[in-house]
Amino acid sequence: MKIEQIYTGCLAQGAYYIESDGEAVIIDPLREVEPYIEKANNNNAKIKYVLETHFHADFVSGHLDLSQKTGAPIVYGPNAQPDFDFYSAKDGEILKVGKATIKVLHTPGHTMESTCYLLSDESGKEVGLFSGDTLFIGDVGRPDLAQKVKSDLTQDKLAAHLFDSLRNKIMTLADDIIVYPAHGAGSACGKNMSKETTDTLGNQKMTNYALRADMTKEEFIKELTTGLVPPPSYFPLNVMMNIHGYDSIDTVLERGLRALSPEAFEAAANETGALMLDVRNAQDFAAAFVPNSINIGLQGSFAPWVGALIPDIKQEILLIAEPGTEEEAVTRLSRVGYDFVIGYLEGGVDAWKNAGKEIDSITSITADEMADILALDADAPVLDVRKKSEYLSEHILTAENAPLDNVNDAMSMIDKDKTYYVHCAGGYRSMIFTSIMRARGFDNLVDVKGGFKAIKESGKFNVSDYVCPTTLL
């Protein structure tokens, strides 16, 4: 029997490939499904089931394309009612995969259809729990997402269901079972996840705050709901796509991978109102970019930031990328439901410059250069665009917090007659922030390379005393 976790770092998401005696199942596949099909073909295995743990909010699953291309039925647990053909598995039902078996465990709480899958090997021994967003390593799924889709559900009601699911379905299982969750640290589906992506259930019983044996239901609800902030706006939109369906990834790629000359790209930008999205490295963007384009770099948490900052999931997008990375960008956009890339700048920014088109740039300075500026003008305004919890943990004493998540609110904070120095943790988010403000006419923002890490390492700034970060998302 084979168990393989296929982990995608930028989404902090784990899909799973399980194989026994020539049959395979895929759990929570990503949008691009060819790698799963190739893996099964290379192993001379047939994909028998596509198992979904729940209707995902943070990404668009590949269940429809994978089922269509392989003939494998899509399986959900109880309470799921999607708009496509699927198999509704009963609580406690056994699915056979080669010589292995998978038991369906309905575990409502994160969502009402949330289901875990308990894998037993050829000898009948229970070896793995594929826990979806019900149980993470160090955490459990946040209970406020389903209420964005069904108004009769409250986060307290969902948390109460989750308490019962954990106690009655999961904590009764053997300690040596391996937990395989759908997400790890960095996902917005929980607030206290470990960087580890698997663990024994026994260790989780000892270390995961949500599995404390002496915790009452009331204590669980209070602890689980404390520190929750509103989820990214694209979450309910992704849920709807996972329920109602979406374009095939093949269609999305064909539409998005249309090479446009600088002239055609400029015409498309003027005629369509498409968003120009530059996915290059932050400092490459700062040096030269197409005016009014915004930067969200592929090398960081690309898809989640796209989802958090581009409110319309059907927004048409014109792509600017390093040549050769266009397909990766279109694919990663599609993972969070942004399916309407309508073309890319052929040859990238170099082709734009060579065509004699206008170029813009953003000033980016080092932490040492910023220290010299503040030494001359202690009142020079500094914007810290990290999360509130990061800022409260440690910050430059004179800095104002303007979290990137709430970039729209920052417009009222900025005086166009002053120069602002913008930093985040390492330089990724500050360039996103500065590029968005630049596109809105604020040309008085200076980016700080290396962010707070470089600022602290320089030893040249008055920084607040360190406070252990809270579990605010």
Protein backbone atom coordinates (compact mmCIF):
# COMPACT_ATOMS: atom_id res chain seq x y z
CA MET A 1 0.00 0.00 0.00
CA LYS A 2 1.22 3.49 -0.86
CA ILE A 3 0.33 6.73 0.90
CA GLU A 4 1.69 9.94 -0.58
CA GLN A 5 1.07 13.47 0.64
CA ILE A 6 1.21 15.95 -2.25
CA TYR A 7 1.82 19.23 -0.45
CA THR A 8 1.51 22.63 -2.11
CA GLY A 9 3.36 25.21 -0.04
CA CYS A 10 1.82 28.41 -1.40
CA LEU A 11 -1.64 27.17 -0.38
CA ALA A 12 -0.40 25.18 2.63
CA GLN A 13 -2.57 22.40 1.21
CA GLY A 14 -2.18 18.64 1.29
CA ALA A 15 -3.76 16.37 -1.31
CA TYR A 16 -3.31 12.60 -0.97
CA TYR A 17 -2.64 9.65 -3.24
CA ILE A 18 -3.43 6.22 -1.79
CA GLU A 19 -2.83 3.03 -3.75
CA SER A 20 -3.36 -0.66 -3.08
CA ASP A 21 -3.26 -3.63 -5.46
CA GLY A 22 -3.72 -1.63 -8.64
CA GLU A 23 -6.41 0.74 -7.35
CA ALA A 24 -5.95 4.32 -6.18
CA VAL A 25 -7.91 7.15 -4.58
CA ILE A 26 -7.17 10.85 -4.60
CA ILE A 27 -8.24 12.95 -1.62
CA ASP A 28 -8.85 16.71 -2.02
CA PRO A 29 -7.10 17.16 -5.40
CA LEU A 30 -5.88 20.52 -6.64
CA ARG A 31 -7.25 22.12 -9.79
CA GLU A 32 -4.53 20.77 -12.10
CA VAL A 33 -5.23 17.03 -12.20
CA GLU A 34 -2.75 15.66 -14.74
CA PRO A 35 -0.08 14.90 -12.08
CA TYR A 36 -2.49 12.55 -10.28
CA ILE A 37 -3.43 10.80 -13.50
CA GLU A 38 0.23 10.43 -14.50
CA LYS A 39 1.12 9.04 -11.10
CA ALA A 40 -1.57 6.37 -11.32
CA ASN A 41 -0.64 5.52 -14.92
CA ASN A 42 3.04 5.19 -14.03
CA ASN A 43 2.08 2.74 -11.28
CA ASN A 44 -0.34 0.83 -13.52
CA ALA A 45 -3.13 1.76 -11.14
CA LYS A 46 -6.71 2.82 -11.81
CA ILE A 47 -8.14 5.79 -9.90
CA LYS A 48 -11.26 4.34 -8.25
CA TYR A 49 -12.53 7.26 -6.17
CA VAL A 50 -12.09 11.03 -5.84
CA LEU A 51 -12.70 11.68 -2.13
CA GLU A 52 -13.65 15.15 -0.92
CA THR A 53 -13.47 15.95 2.78
CA HIS A 54 -15.78 18.98 2.42
CA PHE A 55 -16.59 21.93 0.20
CA HIS A 56 -13.30 23.78 0.32
CA ALA A 57 -13.22 27.53 0.83
CA ASP A 58 -9.56 28.37 0.30
CA PHE A 59 -9.09 26.67 -3.06
CA VAL A 60 -11.04 25.26 -5.99
CA SER A 61 -10.75 21.49 -5.94
CA GLY A 62 -9.95 19.45 -9.05
CA HIS A 63 -12.67 16.91 -8.33
CA LEU A 64 -14.76 17.64 -11.45
CA ASP A 65 -11.91 17.46 -13.98
CA LEU A 66 -10.39 14.42 -12.30
CA SER A 67 -13.70 12.57 -12.32
CA GLN A 68 -14.41 13.54 -15.91
CA LYS A 69 -10.97 12.42 -17.12
CA THR A 70 -10.82 9.14 -15.20
CA GLY A 71 -14.43 8.07 -14.73
CA ALA A 72 -13.86 7.84 -10.96
CA PRO A 73 -16.91 8.92 -8.94
CA ILE A 74 -16.70 11.94 -6.66
CA VAL A 75 -17.42 10.96 -3.05
CA TYR A 76 -18.71 13.23 -0.29
CA GLY A 77 -19.95 12.35 3.17
CA PRO A 78 -23.44 13.08 4.50
CA ASN A 79 -25.08 16.51 4.08
CA ALA A 80 -23.29 17.38 0.82
CA GLN A 81 -25.60 18.52 -1.98
CA PRO A 82 -23.51 19.65 -4.96
CA ASP A 83 -24.94 20.42 -8.40
CA PHE A 84 -23.20 17.52 -10.16
CA ASP A 85 -23.20 13.74 -10.06
CA PHE A 86 -21.54 12.35 -6.94
CA TYR A 87 -21.71 9.44 -4.54
CA SER A 88 -23.10 10.29 -1.10
CA ALA A 89 -21.32 8.01 1.37
CA LYS A 90 -23.00 7.08 4.63
CA ASP A 91 -21.40 7.57 8.01
CA GLY A 92 -19.50 4.38 8.83
CA GLU A 93 -19.56 3.11 5.24
CA ILE A 94 -16.56 1.10 4.05
CA LEU A 95 -14.97 1.81 0.67
CA LYS A 96 -12.62 -0.81 -0.76
CA VAL A 97 -9.42 0.23 -2.51
CA GLY A 98 -7.50 -2.82 -3.66
CA LYS A 99 -6.79 -4.79 -0.50
CA ALA A 100 -7.13 -1.72 1.73
CA THR A 101 -10.32 -0.19 3.12
CA ILE A 102 -11.42 3.35 3.89
CA LYS A 103 -14.07 4.04 6.52
CA VAL A 104 -16.20 7.15 6.17
CA LEU A 105 -16.40 9.21 9.37
CA HIS A 106 -18.87 12.08 9.25
CA THR A 107 -17.36 14.86 11.40
CA PRO A 108 -19.48 18.02 11.12
CA GLY A 109 -18.18 21.23 12.65
CA HIS A 110 -15.81 22.99 10.29
CA THR A 111 -18.67 22.57 7.83
CA MET A 112 -21.75 20.40 8.14
CA GLU A 113 -20.64 18.00 5.40
CA SER A 114 -17.08 17.67 6.76
CA THR A 115 -15.93 14.06 6.60
CA CYS A 116 -12.75 12.23 7.58
CA TYR A 117 -11.52 9.05 5.93
CA LEU A 118 -10.00 6.29 8.08
CA LEU A 119 -7.59 4.05 6.16
CA SER A 120 -6.92 0.44 7.12
CA ASP A 121 -4.13 -1.56 5.50
CA GLU A 122 -4.32 -5.01 3.90
CA SER A 123 -4.22 -6.67 7.33
CA GLY A 124 -7.15 -4.62 8.59
CA LYS A 125 -5.07 -2.38 10.88
CA GLU A 126 -6.20 1.26 11.06
CA VAL A 127 -3.17 3.28 9.96
CA GLY A 128 -4.18 6.73 8.73
CA LEU A 129 -6.81 9.41 9.27
CA PHE A 130 -7.33 11.83 6.39
CA SER A 131 -8.86 14.56 8.46
CA GLY A 132 -9.54 17.36 5.98
CA ASP A 133 -10.16 20.59 7.88
CA THR A 134 -11.64 18.82 10.89
CA LEU A 135 -8.28 18.20 12.59
CA PHE A 136 -4.98 19.88 11.79
CA ILE A 137 -1.59 19.39 13.38
CA GLY A 138 -1.80 21.69 16.39
CA ASP A 139 -5.26 23.00 15.60
CA VAL A 140 -8.74 22.30 14.27
CA GLY A 141 -10.76 23.90 11.49
CA ARG A 142 -12.21 27.34 12.13
CA PRO A 143 -15.99 27.14 12.65
CA ASP A 144 -17.07 30.36 10.96
CA LEU A 145 -16.70 29.58 7.26
CA ALA A 146 -19.90 27.61 6.59
CA GLN A 147 -22.00 30.42 8.05
CA LYS A 148 -20.89 32.59 5.13
CA VAL A 149 -22.76 30.14 2.87
CA LYS A 150 -25.69 29.14 5.13
CA SER A 151 -27.03 31.94 7.28
CA ASP A 152 -28.77 29.63 9.79
CA LEU A 153 -25.40 28.36 11.00
CA THR A 154 -23.54 30.31 13.66
CA GLN A 155 -19.90 29.81 14.55
CA ASP A 156 -20.90 28.72 18.06
CA LYS A 157 -23.25 26.05 16.70
CA LEU A 158 -20.57 24.78 14.34
CA ALA A 159 -17.98 24.79 17.11
CA ALA A 160 -20.35 22.70 19.26
CA HIS A 161 -20.72 20.18 16.43
CA LEU A 162 -16.94 20.08 16.03
CA PHE A 163 -16.46 19.40 19.75
CA ASP A 164 -18.76 16.37 19.49
CA SER A 165 -17.13 15.14 16.29
CA LEU A 166 -13.66 15.28 17.79
CA ARG A 167 -14.67 13.55 21.02
CA ASN A 168 -16.96 10.91 19.54
CA LYS A 169 -15.31 10.09 16.22
CA ILE A 170 -11.62 10.96 16.39
CA MET A 171 -10.32 10.91 19.97
CA THR A 172 -11.64 7.34 20.37
CA LEU A 173 -9.21 6.11 17.67
CA ALA A 174 -5.86 4.47 18.41
CA ASP A 175 -2.90 6.68 19.33
CA ASP A 176 -0.59 5.24 16.65
CA ILE A 177 -2.80 6.31 13.76
CA ILE A 178 -1.14 8.94 11.54
CA VAL A 179 -3.13 12.14 11.01
CA TYR A 180 -3.00 13.48 7.45
CA PRO A 181 -4.69 16.95 7.42
CA ALA A 182 -5.71 19.07 4.45
CA HIS A 183 -3.62 22.07 5.56
CA GLY A 184 -0.55 23.17 7.47
CA ALA A 185 0.91 26.40 8.83
CA GLY A 186 0.06 29.41 6.70
CA SER A 187 -3.49 28.42 5.84
CA ALA A 188 -6.31 30.73 6.87
CA CYS A 189 -8.52 27.71 7.65
CA GLY A 190 -7.12 27.57 11.20
CA LYS A 191 -5.23 29.85 13.58
CA ASN A 192 -2.60 27.76 15.36
CA MET A 193 -1.34 25.18 12.87
CA SER A 194 2.02 23.50 13.20
CA LYS A 195 4.65 23.63 10.47
CA GLU A 196 4.55 19.81 10.57
CA THR A 197 2.15 18.28 8.06
CA THR A 198 1.58 14.88 9.72
CA ASP A 199 1.67 13.51 13.26
CA THR A 200 0.42 10.61 15.34
CA LEU A 201 -3.03 11.01 16.80
CA GLY A 202 -1.59 10.17 20.22
CA ASN A 203 0.79 13.11 20.10
CA GLN A 204 -2.03 15.40 19.00
CA LYS A 205 -4.09 14.26 21.97
CA MET A 206 -1.23 15.41 24.19
CA THR A 207 -0.30 18.66 22.44
CA ASN A 208 -3.28 20.01 20.47
CA TYR A 209 -5.22 22.49 22.60
CA ALA A 210 -8.52 21.44 21.01
CA LEU A 211 -8.11 17.80 22.07
CA ARG A 212 -7.63 18.38 25.79
CA ALA A 213 -9.49 15.59 27.57
CA ASP A 214 -10.65 17.82 30.43
CA MET A 215 -12.06 20.59 28.22
CA THR A 216 -15.77 21.30 28.46
CA LYS A 217 -17.83 22.10 25.38
CA GLU A 218 -18.25 25.70 26.56
CA GLU A 219 -14.49 26.08 27.05
CA PHE A 220 -13.86 24.58 23.61
CA ILE A 221 -16.28 26.98 21.92
CA LYS A 222 -14.75 30.00 23.64
CA GLU A 223 -11.16 29.01 22.91
CA LEU A 224 -11.87 28.09 19.29
CA THR A 225 -13.73 31.31 18.46
CA THR A 226 -11.39 33.72 20.26
CA GLY A 227 -9.09 35.58 17.90
CA LEU A 228 -10.97 34.84 14.70
CA VAL A 229 -10.89 37.63 12.15
CA PRO A 230 -13.07 37.74 9.01
CA PRO A 231 -11.94 35.16 6.44
CA PRO A 232 -10.68 36.28 3.03
CA SER A 233 -13.51 37.51 0.83
CA TYR A 234 -12.86 34.87 -1.84
CA PHE A 235 -13.59 31.96 0.52
CA PRO A 236 -17.38 31.82 0.02
CA LEU A 237 -16.88 32.31 -3.73
CA ASN A 238 -14.60 29.26 -3.86
CA VAL A 239 -17.17 27.26 -1.89
CA MET A 240 -19.79 28.13 -4.50
CA MET A 241 -17.50 27.03 -7.33
CA ASN A 242 -16.85 23.74 -5.55
CA ILE A 243 -20.59 23.20 -5.12
CA HIS A 244 -21.90 24.45 -8.46
CA GLY A 245 -19.02 23.66 -10.83
CA TYR A 246 -16.52 25.58 -12.96
CA ASP A 247 -14.71 25.67 -16.29
CA SER A 248 -12.27 22.87 -17.04
CA ILE A 249 -8.65 23.72 -16.28
CA ASP A 250 -7.94 23.06 -19.96
CA THR A 251 -10.32 25.87 -20.94
CA VAL A 252 -8.79 28.21 -18.34
CA LEU A 253 -5.26 27.58 -19.63
CA GLU A 254 -6.28 28.03 -23.26
CA ARG A 255 -7.92 31.36 -22.45
CA GLY A 256 -5.07 32.62 -20.27
CA LEU A 257 -2.06 31.57 -22.32
CA ARG A 258 -2.69 33.98 -25.17
CA ALA A 259 0.54 35.79 -26.00
CA LEU A 260 0.01 39.52 -26.59
CA SER A 261 2.49 41.92 -28.17
CA PRO A 262 3.07 45.15 -26.23
CA GLU A 263 0.67 46.92 -28.60
CA ALA A 264 -2.02 44.24 -28.22
CA PHE A 265 -1.49 44.13 -24.45
CA GLU A 266 -1.88 47.90 -24.18
CA ALA A 267 -5.01 47.83 -26.34
CA ALA A 268 -6.52 45.04 -24.24
CA ALA A 269 -5.82 46.98 -21.05
CA ASN A 270 -7.53 50.07 -22.47
CA GLU A 271 -10.49 48.27 -24.00
CA THR A 272 -11.41 45.67 -21.37
CA GLY A 273 -10.72 47.24 -17.99
CA ALA A 274 -8.71 44.15 -17.10
CA LEU A 275 -6.42 44.25 -14.08
CA MET A 276 -2.72 44.21 -14.98
CA LEU A 277 -1.10 41.76 -12.59
CA ASP A 278 2.69 41.57 -12.43
CA VAL A 279 3.84 38.35 -10.76
CA ARG A 280 7.60 38.95 -10.81
CA ASN A 281 9.95 39.27 -7.84
CA ALA A 282 9.28 42.38 -5.75
CA GLN A 283 12.58 44.10 -6.46
CA ASP A 284 12.41 43.34 -10.18
CA PHE A 285 8.98 44.94 -10.19
CA ALA A 286 10.24 47.99 -8.28
CA ALA A 287 12.96 48.60 -10.84
CA ALA A 288 10.61 48.76 -13.84
CA PHE A 289 6.94 47.97 -14.37
CA VAL A 290 4.03 48.73 -16.66
CA PRO A 291 2.26 51.81 -15.23
CA ASN A 292 -0.84 51.00 -13.13
CA SER A 293 0.02 47.32 -12.83
CA ILE A 294 0.11 45.78 -9.36
CA ASN A 295 2.62 43.30 -8.01
CA ILE A 296 1.81 40.00 -6.28
CA GLY A 297 4.89 37.82 -6.67
CA LEU A 298 4.73 34.13 -7.54
CA GLN A 299 7.49 33.33 -5.07
CA GLY A 300 5.36 34.14 -2.00
CA SER A 301 1.85 33.22 -0.83
CA PHE A 302 0.63 34.18 -4.25
CA ALA A 303 -2.82 32.62 -4.57
CA PRO A 304 -4.06 33.55 -1.07
CA TRP A 305 -3.03 37.18 -1.53
CA VAL A 306 -4.69 37.33 -4.93
CA GLY A 307 -7.85 36.02 -3.30
CA ALA A 308 -7.62 38.47 -0.44
CA LEU A 309 -6.95 41.57 -2.55
CA ILE A 310 -8.86 41.13 -5.82
CA PRO A 311 -12.51 41.23 -4.74
CA ASP A 312 -14.14 40.06 -7.98
CA ILE A 313 -13.34 36.43 -8.70
CA LYS A 314 -14.48 37.00 -12.30
CA GLN A 315 -12.15 39.96 -12.78
CA GLU A 316 -10.40 39.82 -16.16
CA ILE A 317 -6.64 39.78 -15.69
CA LEU A 318 -3.77 40.66 -18.00
CA LEU A 319 -0.62 38.93 -16.86
CA ILE A 320 2.95 40.24 -16.71
CA ALA A 321 5.49 37.57 -15.80
CA GLU A 322 9.03 36.42 -16.27
CA PRO A 323 9.02 34.65 -19.65
CA GLY A 324 8.40 30.95 -19.10
CA THR A 325 6.36 31.34 -15.91
CA GLU A 326 3.04 32.30 -17.49
CA GLU A 327 1.48 28.83 -17.28
CA GLU A 328 2.46 28.51 -13.63
CA ALA A 329 0.81 31.85 -12.91
CA VAL A 330 -2.44 31.00 -14.72
CA THR A 331 -2.57 27.63 -12.98
CA ARG A 332 -2.00 29.10 -9.54
CA LEU A 333 -4.64 31.76 -10.14
CA SER A 334 -7.11 29.05 -11.10
CA ARG A 335 -6.49 27.24 -7.82
CA VAL A 336 -8.39 30.01 -6.04
CA GLY A 337 -10.98 30.51 -8.76
CA TYR A 338 -9.49 33.37 -10.77
CA ASP A 339 -10.19 31.80 -14.15
CA PHE A 340 -10.33 34.88 -16.35
CA VAL A 341 -6.76 35.64 -17.34
CA ILE A 342 -7.24 36.84 -20.92
CA GLY A 343 -3.62 36.97 -22.02
CA TYR A 344 -0.06 37.81 -21.08
CA LEU A 345 2.61 40.29 -22.17
CA GLU A 346 4.78 38.33 -24.58
CA GLY A 347 8.44 38.87 -23.76
CA GLY A 348 7.59 40.47 -20.43
CA VAL A 349 8.67 43.93 -19.29
CA ASP A 350 11.78 43.87 -21.51
CA ALA A 351 9.54 43.65 -24.59
CA TRP A 352 7.45 46.54 -23.22
CA LYS A 353 10.57 48.69 -22.77
CA ASN A 354 11.96 47.73 -26.18
CA ALA A 355 8.68 48.82 -27.76
CA GLY A 356 9.27 52.31 -26.33
CA LYS A 357 6.36 52.11 -23.90
CA GLU A 358 6.25 54.14 -20.69
CA ILE A 359 7.82 52.53 -17.61
CA ASP A 360 7.21 53.27 -13.94
CA SER A 361 9.32 52.41 -10.88
CA ILE A 362 9.15 52.40 -7.07
CA THR A 363 11.94 53.59 -4.80
CA SER A 364 13.19 50.78 -2.59
CA ILE A 365 15.77 51.40 0.16
CA THR A 366 17.68 49.28 2.67
CA ALA A 367 17.03 49.24 6.41
CA ASP A 368 20.32 51.10 6.94
CA GLU A 369 19.25 53.84 4.54
CA MET A 370 15.93 54.12 6.35
CA ALA A 371 17.77 54.43 9.68
CA ASP A 372 19.78 57.34 8.29
CA ILE A 373 16.56 59.07 7.19
CA LEU A 374 14.93 58.60 10.60
CA ALA A 375 18.08 59.89 12.30
CA LEU A 376 17.57 63.18 10.48
CA ASP A 377 13.79 63.21 10.79
CA ALA A 378 12.46 61.16 13.71
CA ASP A 379 8.90 62.00 12.68
CA ALA A 380 9.20 60.53 9.18
CA PRO A 381 6.07 58.34 8.86
CA VAL A 382 6.55 54.57 8.80
CA LEU A 383 3.81 52.13 7.73
CA ASP A 384 4.02 48.55 8.98
CA VAL A 385 1.79 46.47 6.70
CA ARG A 386 2.09 43.20 8.60
CA LYS A 387 -0.90 41.59 10.34
CA LYS A 388 -2.13 43.19 13.54
CA SER A 389 -0.85 40.22 15.56
CA GLU A 390 2.65 40.60 14.07
CA TYR A 391 2.66 44.32 14.76
CA LEU A 392 1.52 43.87 18.36
CA SER A 393 4.22 41.28 18.89
CA GLU A 394 7.06 43.66 17.95
CA HIS A 395 7.32 46.86 15.91
CA ILE A 396 9.19 50.13 15.35
CA LEU A 397 7.89 52.45 18.06
CA THR A 398 6.95 55.22 15.63
CA ALA A 399 5.34 52.94 13.04
CA GLU A 400 1.64 52.88 12.28
CA ASN A 401 0.00 49.54 11.51
CA ALA A 402 -1.73 49.39 8.10
CA PRO A 403 -2.27 45.65 7.42
CA LEU A 404 -2.14 44.67 3.78
CA ASP A 405 -5.39 42.74 4.30
CA ASN A 406 -7.11 46.11 4.82
CA VAL A 407 -5.28 48.08 2.16
CA ASN A 408 -8.42 50.06 1.29
CA ASP A 409 -8.46 51.58 4.77
CA ALA A 410 -4.91 52.86 4.32
CA MET A 411 -5.95 55.49 1.79
CA SER A 412 -7.38 57.65 4.56
CA MET A 413 -4.13 57.34 6.56
CA ILE A 414 -1.82 58.72 3.88
CA ASP A 415 -1.08 62.39 3.37
CA LYS A 416 0.09 62.91 -0.21
CA ASP A 417 2.36 65.75 0.95
CA LYS A 418 4.51 63.39 3.05
CA THR A 419 6.87 60.54 2.16
CA TYR A 420 6.04 57.23 3.83
CA TYR A 421 8.41 54.31 4.45
CA VAL A 422 6.63 50.97 4.06
CA HIS A 423 7.76 47.63 5.41
CA CYS A 424 6.39 44.17 6.13
CA ALA A 425 8.21 41.11 7.50
CA GLY A 426 10.54 40.43 4.58
CA GLY A 427 9.66 42.68 1.64
CA TYR A 428 6.96 40.67 -0.16
CA ARG A 429 3.82 42.28 1.25
CA SER A 430 5.22 45.82 1.34
CA MET A 431 5.72 45.77 -2.44
CA ILE A 432 2.16 44.52 -2.95
CA PHE A 433 0.89 47.34 -0.73
CA THR A 434 3.02 50.00 -2.39
CA SER A 435 2.12 48.86 -5.90
CA ILE A 436 -1.61 49.00 -5.14
CA MET A 437 -1.31 52.47 -3.66
CA ARG A 438 0.84 53.57 -6.61
CA ALA A 439 -1.86 52.43 -9.05
CA ARG A 440 -4.31 54.57 -7.06
CA GLY A 441 -2.20 57.68 -7.45
CA PHE A 442 -0.11 57.59 -4.27
CA ASP A 443 3.45 58.11 -5.50
CA ASN A 444 4.87 59.09 -2.10
CA LEU A 445 5.56 55.60 -0.71
CA VAL A 446 9.07 54.15 -0.37
CA ASP A 447 9.55 50.41 0.04
CA VAL A 448 11.98 49.01 2.64
CA LYS A 449 13.92 45.97 1.38
CA GLY A 450 14.07 42.99 3.68
CA GLY A 451 11.27 44.28 5.91
CA PHE A 452 11.20 43.99 9.68
CA LYS A 453 13.77 41.20 9.63
CA ALA A 454 16.37 43.55 8.14
CA ILE A 455 15.21 46.41 10.37
CA LYS A 456 15.70 44.38 13.53
CA GLU A 457 19.00 42.89 12.41
CA SER A 458 20.39 46.36 11.76
CA GLY A 459 20.07 47.27 15.44
CA LYS A 460 19.46 50.89 14.48
CA PHE A 461 15.79 51.27 15.39
CA ASN A 462 13.79 51.73 18.57
CA VAL A 463 11.69 48.59 18.67
CA SER A 464 8.92 47.64 21.13
CA ASP A 465 9.53 44.87 23.64
CA TYR A 466 8.79 41.44 22.21
CA VAL A 467 5.42 39.94 23.13
CA CYS A 468 4.57 36.36 22.22
CA PRO A 469 2.24 36.52 19.18
CA THR A 470 -1.43 35.86 19.79
CA THR A 471 -3.42 33.34 17.79
CA LEU A 472 -5.11 36.05 15.76
CA LEU A 473 -5.25 34.95 12.15
